[in-house]
């Protein structure tokens, strides 16, 4: 696994951060009654993906790193559900974001496997 100088150099973090920004942009258009419901939940779960990648990056042991990547994967799945729900409620077309999320999922999976395979 290639060493980086900081979490911001990780492609998986960069893509996760882009997803967060896109979720914030999307949820600005949602009905105001969703402010403390779906908007809050979707923003929180998407932020959790990037935040857990960040937190796991500095952990010293492999099990600690993998634990945070696993939490990030769970938050990514949660975000995926909220995107599906938003689509089904006709709040927005979320297909582009779902594709963006799938890219993050693949990168996160690859990064987790790289951690597992490292010395």
Protein backbone atom coordinates (compact mmCIF):
# COMPACT_ATOMS: atom_id res chain seq x y z
CA UNK A 1 0.00 0.00 0.00
CA UNK A 2 1.43 3.35 -1.05
CA UNK A 3 2.12 5.78 1.75
CA UNK A 4 0.53 9.20 1.53
CA UNK A 5 1.27 12.35 3.49
CA UNK A 6 -2.31 12.77 4.65
CA UNK A 7 -5.85 11.57 4.26
CA UNK A 8 -6.62 14.28 1.68
CA UNK A 9 -4.30 12.50 -0.76
CA UNK A 10 -6.44 9.34 -0.67
CA UNK A 11 -8.59 9.06 -3.80
CA UNK A 12 -11.26 7.28 -1.75
CA UNK A 13 -11.44 10.25 0.65
CA UNK A 14 -11.53 12.75 -2.23
CA UNK A 15 -14.43 10.90 -3.86
CA UNK A 16 -16.24 10.52 -0.52
CA UNK A 17 -15.85 14.27 0.09
CA UNK A 18 -17.24 15.02 -3.39
CA UNK A 19 -20.22 12.80 -2.53
CA UNK A 20 -20.83 14.80 0.67
CA UNK A 21 -20.79 18.06 -1.27
CA UNK A 22 -23.23 16.61 -3.81
CA UNK A 23 -25.57 15.37 -1.05
CA UNK A 24 -25.60 18.84 0.53
CA UNK A 25 -26.35 20.41 -2.86
CA UNK A 26 -29.13 17.92 -3.58
CA UNK A 27 -30.82 18.21 -0.19
CA UNK A 28 -31.09 21.99 -0.49
CA UNK A 29 -33.98 21.33 -2.87
CA UNK A 30 -35.90 18.98 -0.55
CA UNK A 31 -39.14 20.00 1.15
CA UNK A 32 -38.59 22.03 4.33
CA UNK A 33 -40.53 19.47 6.39
CA UNK A 34 -37.61 17.07 5.75
CA UNK A 35 -35.07 19.38 7.41
CA UNK A 36 -34.94 17.32 10.62
CA UNK A 37 -35.75 14.05 8.87
CA UNK A 38 -34.34 12.86 5.59
CA UNK A 39 -32.13 15.91 4.96
CA UNK A 40 -30.44 15.61 8.34
CA UNK A 41 -30.06 11.82 8.12
CA UNK A 42 -28.64 11.84 4.58
CA UNK A 43 -26.17 14.59 5.33
CA UNK A 44 -25.05 12.91 8.56
CA UNK A 45 -24.53 9.51 6.94
CA UNK A 46 -22.62 10.91 3.96
CA UNK A 47 -20.36 12.99 6.22
CA UNK A 48 -19.74 9.86 8.30
CA UNK A 49 -18.22 8.11 5.28
CA UNK A 50 -15.51 10.73 4.74
CA UNK A 51 -15.05 11.31 8.47
CA UNK A 52 -14.44 7.62 9.22
CA UNK A 53 -11.96 7.32 6.35
CA UNK A 54 -10.20 10.34 7.88
CA UNK A 55 -10.23 8.93 11.40
CA UNK A 56 -9.13 5.47 10.30
CA UNK A 57 -6.27 6.87 8.25
CA UNK A 58 -4.20 7.76 11.33
CA UNK A 59 -4.90 4.63 13.33
CA UNK A 60 -1.75 2.63 13.93
CA UNK A 61 -3.01 -0.93 13.93
CA UNK A 62 -4.58 -2.81 11.08
CA UNK A 63 -7.67 -3.86 13.11
CA UNK A 64 -8.29 -0.22 14.11
CA UNK A 65 -7.96 0.98 10.51
CA UNK A 66 -10.28 -1.75 9.23
CA UNK A 67 -12.84 -0.98 11.96
CA UNK A 68 -13.17 2.62 10.74
CA UNK A 69 -13.32 1.55 7.09
CA UNK A 70 -16.11 -0.85 8.03
CA UNK A 71 -18.02 1.96 9.75
CA UNK A 72 -17.54 4.07 6.61
CA UNK A 73 -18.94 1.20 4.51
CA UNK A 74 -22.00 1.00 6.77
CA UNK A 75 -22.57 4.74 6.49
CA UNK A 76 -22.20 4.50 2.72
CA UNK A 77 -24.90 1.82 2.61
CA UNK A 78 -27.11 4.03 4.78
CA UNK A 79 -26.58 6.95 2.40
CA UNK A 80 -27.42 4.67 -0.52
CA UNK A 81 -30.77 3.84 1.07
CA UNK A 82 -31.56 7.53 1.59
CA UNK A 83 -30.80 8.20 -2.08
CA UNK A 84 -33.17 5.39 -3.09
CA UNK A 85 -35.83 6.74 -0.73
CA UNK A 86 -35.43 10.27 -2.07
CA UNK A 87 -35.88 8.94 -5.60
CA UNK A 88 -38.96 6.93 -4.60
CA UNK A 89 -40.50 9.94 -2.82
CA UNK A 90 -39.94 11.95 -6.04
CA UNK A 91 -37.85 14.54 -4.18
CA UNK A 92 -35.06 14.31 -6.76
CA UNK A 93 -33.48 12.17 -9.42
CA UNK A 94 -30.64 10.59 -7.46
CA UNK A 95 -29.26 8.23 -10.10
CA UNK A 96 -26.14 10.33 -10.70
CA UNK A 97 -25.41 10.38 -6.97
CA UNK A 98 -26.09 6.65 -6.71
CA UNK A 99 -23.48 6.10 -9.43
CA UNK A 100 -21.07 8.39 -7.59
CA UNK A 101 -21.74 6.41 -4.42
CA UNK A 102 -21.00 3.12 -6.22
CA UNK A 103 -17.60 4.50 -7.23
CA UNK A 104 -16.87 5.40 -3.59
CA UNK A 105 -17.99 1.90 -2.53
CA UNK A 106 -15.56 0.26 -4.97
CA UNK A 107 -12.68 2.48 -3.88
CA UNK A 108 -13.45 1.93 -0.19
CA UNK A 109 -13.58 -1.82 -0.72
CA UNK A 110 -10.24 -1.74 -2.54
CA UNK A 111 -8.68 0.46 0.16
CA UNK A 112 -9.91 -1.88 2.89
CA UNK A 113 -8.47 -4.89 1.07
CA UNK A 114 -5.16 -3.05 0.67
CA UNK A 115 -5.07 -2.43 4.44
CA UNK A 116 -5.83 -6.09 5.10
CA UNK A 117 -3.05 -7.19 2.75
CA UNK A 118 -0.45 -4.75 4.15
CA UNK A 119 2.31 -5.80 6.55
